[in-house]
Every structure is written in structure tokens, then in C-alpha cells.
Amino acid sequence: MRSVFFFPTGERAATVAALDRHLPAQRCPWFLEDGLYIDIDDQQTGCLFSDWEPEEIALLDAAVGHHPAWAVQIDISGRIDGTAEVHRMAALLLAQGGVAFDD
């Protein structure tokens, strides 16, 4: 399984609302039938950045302009390539700006 992290510009609540609109009747995690598992993680109550290298965090902080407190994590099933699906989610999640990080 591969993971992609999205750090959208804006409030967490707005991102949750966008995911709810596009993937109704689900929440934490959301599931895209093509094989994407979507959740929101943070450093305070979750595991965000727990296995990141310090250099990766420094690059992210520089790209975002601050240290993000939360992220949308999308896990891609090994059963699919996932490129097209991730691009569709990137268009949704980063419509107002932000940064994506593919591990």
C-alpha cells in the first residue's frame, strides 16, 4: 500500500465538508470504491509525521510556509495503480491551494 499526503490550504472543517459532499454517507475514513482509503490525521491525536525523516518534514514546512497541524492521508490499495484516482482527489483537495507529498 502506498500513501499520499495532502496539506490543503484552509480549514480542516472545509476539507471534511468537501470530502463529505463527494463521498456521502461516510466519514473517517472515507472510501473510494476504486481502492483509495481516505482519512485525516494530525500530530496531536494521530500519527502524522511519526515515520517521516527530518529532511522530509523540513521540505514540507518550507513548501507550506509553516508546520502543518493536520493532513489528508490517502492510502492506495496495491490492487490498483491509483494514479488517476489520486489526481481526481488532488483536484478536489487542493482546489484552493496546498501541497501534496507522495511517499
Protein backbone atom coordinates (compact mmCIF):
# COMPACT_ATOMS: atom_id res chain seq x y z
CA MET A 1 0.00 0.00 0.00
CA ARG A 2 1.25 3.45 -0.92
CA SER A 3 0.32 6.66 0.89
CA VAL A 4 -0.09 10.20 -0.40
CA PHE A 5 -0.48 13.14 1.96
CA PHE A 6 -2.36 16.32 1.14
CA PHE A 7 -1.94 19.56 3.06
CA PRO A 8 -4.78 21.75 1.76
CA THR A 9 -4.90 25.48 2.26
CA GLY A 10 -7.78 26.42 4.51
CA GLU A 11 -9.57 24.98 7.47
CA ARG A 12 -9.84 21.31 8.31
CA ALA A 13 -13.64 21.64 8.56
CA ALA A 14 -13.83 22.84 4.94
CA THR A 15 -11.83 19.82 3.79
CA VAL A 16 -14.08 17.46 5.76
CA ALA A 17 -17.13 19.13 4.19
CA ALA A 18 -15.67 18.70 0.69
CA LEU A 19 -14.97 15.02 1.32
CA ASP A 20 -18.48 14.57 2.75
CA ARG A 21 -20.00 16.13 -0.40
CA HIS A 22 -18.00 13.91 -2.76
CA LEU A 23 -18.15 10.72 -0.70
CA PRO A 24 -21.50 10.92 1.12
CA ALA A 25 -22.61 8.63 3.96
CA GLN A 26 -19.01 8.03 5.02
CA ARG A 27 -16.60 9.68 7.34
CA CYS A 28 -13.22 8.97 8.87
CA PRO A 29 -12.32 7.05 6.86
CA TRP A 30 -13.85 7.73 3.51
CA PHE A 31 -13.50 5.05 0.84
CA LEU A 32 -13.36 5.50 -2.91
CA GLU A 33 -14.53 2.27 -4.49
CA ASP A 34 -11.54 2.17 -6.82
CA GLY A 35 -9.29 1.37 -3.85
CA LEU A 36 -8.50 4.62 -2.04
CA TYR A 37 -8.80 4.85 1.72
CA ILE A 38 -9.01 8.49 2.82
CA ASP A 39 -8.59 9.78 6.36
CA ILE A 40 -7.47 12.90 8.19
CA ASP A 41 -4.51 12.60 10.52
CA ASP A 42 -2.85 15.06 12.85
CA GLN A 43 0.21 15.18 15.02
CA GLN A 44 -1.61 15.84 18.29
CA THR A 45 -4.00 12.87 18.37
CA GLY A 46 -2.75 10.76 15.48
CA CYS A 47 0.44 9.53 13.91
CA LEU A 48 1.18 12.28 11.39
CA PHE A 49 4.93 12.65 10.80
CA SER A 50 5.75 9.73 13.13
CA ASP A 51 7.74 7.90 10.46
CA TRP A 52 8.89 10.86 8.37
CA GLU A 53 12.54 11.75 8.01
CA PRO A 54 13.53 15.18 9.39
CA GLU A 55 14.60 16.25 5.88
CA GLU A 56 11.13 15.44 4.53
CA ILE A 57 9.46 17.48 7.26
CA ALA A 58 11.81 20.41 6.58
CA LEU A 59 10.96 20.30 2.84
CA LEU A 60 7.25 20.19 3.60
CA ASP A 61 7.43 23.05 6.11
CA ALA A 62 9.29 25.16 3.53
CA ALA A 63 6.76 24.36 0.79
CA VAL A 64 3.74 25.11 3.01
CA GLY A 65 5.33 28.08 4.76
CA HIS A 66 4.64 26.69 8.24
CA HIS A 67 4.46 23.35 10.03
CA PRO A 68 1.05 21.84 9.19
CA ALA A 69 -1.04 20.54 12.07
CA TRP A 70 -3.10 18.08 10.01
CA ALA A 71 -3.20 16.29 6.66
CA VAL A 72 -5.43 14.19 4.49
CA GLN A 73 -3.82 10.78 4.10
CA ILE A 74 -4.84 8.65 1.15
CA ASP A 75 -3.76 5.03 1.16
CA ILE A 76 -3.82 3.38 -2.26
CA SER A 77 -4.56 -0.31 -2.44
CA GLY A 78 -1.89 -2.43 -4.06
CA ARG A 79 -4.63 -3.84 -6.30
CA ILE A 80 -4.73 -0.67 -8.41
CA ASP A 81 -2.28 1.81 -9.92
CA GLY A 82 -4.26 4.66 -8.33
CA THR A 83 -2.70 7.48 -10.36
CA ALA A 84 -5.93 8.69 -11.98
CA GLU A 85 -7.88 8.37 -8.72
CA VAL A 86 -5.26 10.31 -6.75
CA HIS A 87 -5.22 13.03 -9.40
CA ARG A 88 -9.01 13.41 -9.06
CA MET A 89 -8.69 13.67 -5.28
CA ALA A 90 -5.82 16.17 -5.65
CA ALA A 91 -8.04 18.39 -7.80
CA LEU A 92 -10.69 18.29 -5.07
CA LEU A 93 -8.42 18.69 -2.05
CA LEU A 94 -6.05 21.27 -3.49
CA ALA A 95 -8.57 23.36 -5.43
CA GLN A 96 -7.87 26.33 -3.14
CA GLY A 97 -4.12 25.60 -2.92
CA GLY A 98 -1.87 23.46 -0.82
CA VAL A 99 0.81 20.82 -1.12
CA ALA A 100 0.82 17.08 -1.79
CA PHE A 101 3.54 14.66 -0.66
CA ASP A 102 3.81 11.16 -2.12
CA ASP A 103 5.87 8.80 -0.01
